[in-house]
């Protein structure tokens, strides 16, 4: 299974936590490369 998990597609998410005045207190980001083929047949997103 050559190059089974090589992909140019990525998924990104940003998570923010705000205070009561709307100021950003924390920020997390996640960037995940999506495989072209899924072994179990279930898509990630």
PDB file of N, CA and C in Angstrom:
ATOM      1  N   UNK A   1       0.842  -1.188   0.000  1.00  0.00           N
ATOM      2  CA  UNK A   1       0.000   0.000   0.000  1.00  0.00           C
ATOM      3  C   UNK A   1       0.878   1.238   0.000  1.00  0.00           C
ATOM      4  N   UNK A   2       1.447   1.510  -1.121  1.00  0.00           N
ATOM      5  CA  UNK A   2       2.353   2.626  -1.277  1.00  0.00           C
ATOM      6  C   UNK A   2       1.626   3.967  -1.128  1.00  0.00           C
ATOM      7  N   UNK A   3       2.229   4.870  -0.337  1.00  0.00           N
ATOM      8  CA  UNK A   3       1.693   6.231  -0.148  1.00  0.00           C
ATOM      9  C   UNK A   3       0.231   6.232   0.294  1.00  0.00           C
ATOM     10  N   UNK A   4      -0.118   5.325   1.117  1.00  0.00           N
ATOM     11  CA  UNK A   4      -1.505   5.170   1.544  1.00  0.00           C
ATOM     12  C   UNK A   4      -2.037   6.390   2.296  1.00  0.00           C
ATOM     13  N   UNK A   5      -1.194   7.056   3.082  1.00  0.00           N
ATOM     14  CA  UNK A   5      -1.666   8.159   3.901  1.00  0.00           C
ATOM     15  C   UNK A   5      -1.108   9.503   3.445  1.00  0.00           C
ATOM     16  N   UNK A   6      -0.701   9.613   2.207  1.00  0.00           N
ATOM     17  CA  UNK A   6      -0.186  10.870   1.672  1.00  0.00           C
ATOM     18  C   UNK A   6      -1.354  11.657   1.088  1.00  0.00           C
ATOM     19  N   UNK A   7      -1.488  12.886   1.535  1.00  0.00           N
ATOM     20  CA  UNK A   7      -2.607  13.716   1.086  1.00  0.00           C
ATOM     21  C   UNK A   7      -2.209  15.177   1.113  1.00  0.00           C
ATOM     22  N   UNK A   8      -2.810  15.954   0.260  1.00  0.00           N
ATOM     23  CA  UNK A   8      -2.635  17.403   0.295  1.00  0.00           C
ATOM     24  C   UNK A   8      -3.798  18.070   0.999  1.00  0.00           C
ATOM     25  N   UNK A   9      -4.788  17.295   1.398  1.00  0.00           N
ATOM     26  CA  UNK A   9      -5.968  17.846   2.061  1.00  0.00           C
ATOM     27  C   UNK A   9      -5.728  17.921   3.558  1.00  0.00           C
ATOM     28  N   UNK A  10      -6.173  19.028   4.137  1.00  0.00           N
ATOM     29  CA  UNK A  10      -6.021  19.213   5.579  1.00  0.00           C
ATOM     30  C   UNK A  10      -7.337  19.733   6.163  1.00  0.00           C
ATOM     31  N   UNK A  11      -7.537  19.427   7.393  1.00  0.00           N
ATOM     32  CA  UNK A  11      -8.674  19.956   8.128  1.00  0.00           C
ATOM     33  C   UNK A  11      -8.122  20.795   9.278  1.00  0.00           C
ATOM     34  N   UNK A  12      -8.725  21.948   9.508  1.00  0.00           N
ATOM     35  CA  UNK A  12      -8.259  22.830  10.575  1.00  0.00           C
ATOM     36  C   UNK A  12      -9.444  23.292  11.413  1.00  0.00           C
ATOM     37  N   UNK A  13      -9.203  23.384  12.707  1.00  0.00           N
ATOM     38  CA  UNK A  13     -10.219  23.885  13.637  1.00  0.00           C
ATOM     39  C   UNK A  13      -9.556  24.840  14.616  1.00  0.00           C
ATOM     40  N   UNK A  14     -10.289  25.862  14.988  1.00  0.00           N
ATOM     41  CA  UNK A  14      -9.837  26.802  16.008  1.00  0.00           C
ATOM     42  C   UNK A  14     -10.845  26.820  17.136  1.00  0.00           C
ATOM     43  N   UNK A  15     -10.332  26.815  18.357  1.00  0.00           N
ATOM     44  CA  UNK A  15     -11.170  26.860  19.552  1.00  0.00           C
ATOM     45  C   UNK A  15     -10.743  28.065  20.378  1.00  0.00           C
ATOM     46  N   UNK A  16     -11.723  28.836  20.822  1.00  0.00           N
ATOM     47  CA  UNK A  16     -11.451  30.027  21.614  1.00  0.00           C
ATOM     48  C   UNK A  16     -12.217  29.961  22.922  1.00  0.00           C
ATOM     49  N   UNK A  17     -11.633  30.555  23.960  1.00  0.00           N
ATOM     50  CA  UNK A  17     -12.351  30.756  25.222  1.00  0.00           C
ATOM     51  C   UNK A  17     -12.307  32.251  25.512  1.00  0.00           C
ATOM     52  N   UNK A  18     -13.490  32.813  25.777  1.00  0.00           N
ATOM     53  CA  UNK A  18     -13.623  34.254  25.979  1.00  0.00           C
ATOM     54  C   UNK A  18     -14.002  34.565  27.423  1.00  0.00           C
ATOM     55  N   UNK A  19     -13.651  35.770  27.876  1.00  0.00           N
ATOM     56  CA  UNK A  19     -14.140  36.215  29.177  1.00  0.00           C
ATOM     57  C   UNK A  19     -15.503  36.885  28.980  1.00  0.00           C
ATOM     58  N   UNK A  20     -16.082  37.396  30.042  1.00  0.00           N
ATOM     59  CA  UNK A  20     -17.429  37.986  29.970  1.00  0.00           C
ATOM     60  C   UNK A  20     -17.469  39.263  29.135  1.00  0.00           C
ATOM     61  N   UNK A  21     -16.322  39.887  28.942  1.00  0.00           N
ATOM     62  CA  UNK A  21     -16.263  41.122  28.145  1.00  0.00           C
ATOM     63  C   UNK A  21     -15.959  40.835  26.673  1.00  0.00           C
ATOM     64  N   UNK A  22     -15.808  39.572  26.321  1.00  0.00           N
ATOM     65  CA  UNK A  22     -15.556  39.198  24.932  1.00  0.00           C
ATOM     66  C   UNK A  22     -14.086  39.135  24.545  1.00  0.00           C
ATOM     67  N   UNK A  23     -13.203  39.278  25.511  1.00  0.00           N
ATOM     68  CA  UNK A  23     -11.770  39.191  25.215  1.00  0.00           C
ATOM     69  C   UNK A  23     -11.345  37.726  25.158  1.00  0.00           C
ATOM     70  N   UNK A  24     -10.438  37.438  24.251  1.00  0.00           N
ATOM     71  CA  UNK A  24      -9.941  36.068  24.116  1.00  0.00           C
ATOM     72  C   UNK A  24      -9.013  35.748  25.282  1.00  0.00           C
ATOM     73  N   UNK A  25      -9.329  34.679  26.000  1.00  0.00           N
ATOM     74  CA  UNK A  25      -8.476  34.220  27.091  1.00  0.00           C
ATOM     75  C   UNK A  25      -7.543  33.099  26.637  1.00  0.00           C
ATOM     76  N   UNK A  26      -8.058  32.222  25.795  1.00  0.00           N
ATOM     77  CA  UNK A  26      -7.257  31.094  25.307  1.00  0.00           C
ATOM     78  C   UNK A  26      -7.614  30.796  23.859  1.00  0.00           C
ATOM     79  N   UNK A  27      -6.653  30.247  23.144  1.00  0.00           N
ATOM     80  CA  UNK A  27      -6.867  29.850  21.750  1.00  0.00           C
ATOM     81  C   UNK A  27      -6.108  28.556  21.497  1.00  0.00           C
ATOM     82  N   UNK A  28      -6.801  27.585  20.901  1.00  0.00           N
ATOM     83  CA  UNK A  28      -6.178  26.325  20.486  1.00  0.00           C
ATOM     84  C   UNK A  28      -6.473  26.151  19.007  1.00  0.00           C
ATOM     85  N   UNK A  29      -5.502  25.615  18.287  1.00  0.00           N
ATOM     86  CA  UNK A  29      -5.763  25.266  16.893  1.00  0.00           C
ATOM     87  C   UNK A  29      -5.267  23.847  16.644  1.00  0.00           C
ATOM     88  N   UNK A  30      -5.952  23.205  15.737  1.00  0.00           N
ATOM     89  CA  UNK A  30      -5.626  21.836  15.357  1.00  0.00           C
ATOM     90  C   UNK A  30      -5.598  21.771  13.835  1.00  0.00           C
ATOM     91  N   UNK A  31      -4.519  21.252  13.286  1.00  0.00           N
ATOM     92  CA  UNK A  31      -4.424  21.040  11.842  1.00  0.00           C
ATOM     93  C   UNK A  31      -4.063  19.581  11.633  1.00  0.00           C
ATOM     94  N   UNK A  32      -4.889  18.896  10.887  1.00  0.00           N
ATOM     95  CA  UNK A  32      -4.725  17.459  10.676  1.00  0.00           C
ATOM     96  C   UNK A  32      -4.735  17.160   9.187  1.00  0.00           C
ATOM     97  N   UNK A  33      -3.724  16.438   8.721  1.00  0.00           N
ATOM     98  CA  UNK A  33      -3.709  16.016   7.328  1.00  0.00           C
ATOM     99  C   UNK A  33      -4.698  14.878   7.155  1.00  0.00           C
ATOM    100  N   UNK A  34      -5.537  14.987   6.136  1.00  0.00           N
ATOM    101  CA  UNK A  34      -6.549  13.966   5.885  1.00  0.00           C
ATOM    102  C   UNK A  34      -6.016  12.925   4.909  1.00  0.00           C
ATOM    103  N   UNK A  35      -6.149  11.668   5.233  1.00  0.00           N
ATOM    104  CA  UNK A  35      -5.683  10.627   4.314  1.00  0.00           C
ATOM    105  C   UNK A  35      -6.584  10.532   3.088  1.00  0.00           C
ATOM    106  N   UNK A  36      -6.026  10.094   1.995  1.00  0.00           N
ATOM    107  CA  UNK A  36      -6.809   9.864   0.776  1.00  0.00           C
ATOM    108  C   UNK A  36      -7.691   8.628   0.927  1.00  0.00           C
ATOM    109  N   UNK A  37      -7.249   7.690   1.753  1.00  0.00           N
ATOM    110  CA  UNK A  37      -7.951   6.423   1.904  1.00  0.00           C
ATOM    111  C   UNK A  37      -8.069   6.087   3.395  1.00  0.00           C
ATOM    112  N   UNK A  38      -9.240   5.651   3.808  1.00  0.00           N
ATOM    113  CA  UNK A  38      -9.476   5.272   5.193  1.00  0.00           C
ATOM    114  C   UNK A  38      -9.609   3.759   5.265  1.00  0.00           C
ATOM    115  N   UNK A  39      -8.832   3.144   6.112  1.00  0.00           N
ATOM    116  CA  UNK A  39      -8.849   1.677   6.208  1.00  0.00           C
ATOM    117  C   UNK A  39     -10.183   1.131   6.691  1.00  0.00           C
ATOM    118  N   UNK A  40     -10.845   1.857   7.600  1.00  0.00           N
ATOM    119  CA  UNK A  40     -12.100   1.347   8.159  1.00  0.00           C
ATOM    120  C   UNK A  40     -13.349   1.849   7.402  1.00  0.00           C
ATOM    121  N   UNK A  41     -13.173   2.700   6.399  1.00  0.00           N
ATOM    122  CA  UNK A  41     -14.305   3.183   5.628  1.00  0.00           C
ATOM    123  C   UNK A  41     -15.043   4.356   6.245  1.00  0.00           C
ATOM    124  N   UNK A  42     -14.657   4.778   7.446  1.00  0.00           N
ATOM    125  CA  UNK A  42     -15.306   5.902   8.116  1.00  0.00           C
ATOM    126  C   UNK A  42     -14.482   7.176   7.881  1.00  0.00           C
ATOM    127  N   UNK A  43     -15.163   8.216   7.418  1.00  0.00           N
ATOM    128  CA  UNK A  43     -14.473   9.474   7.204  1.00  0.00           C
ATOM    129  C   UNK A  43     -14.205  10.163   8.526  1.00  0.00           C
ATOM    130  N   UNK A  44     -13.164  10.979   8.565  1.00  0.00           N
ATOM    131  CA  UNK A  44     -12.813  11.667   9.802  1.00  0.00           C
ATOM    132  C   UNK A  44     -13.786  12.801  10.090  1.00  0.00           C
ATOM    133  N   UNK A  45     -14.186  13.562   9.043  1.00  0.00           N
ATOM    134  CA  UNK A  45     -15.091  14.696   9.214  1.00  0.00           C
ATOM    135  C   UNK A  45     -16.163  14.645   8.187  1.00  0.00           C
TER     136      UNK A  45
END
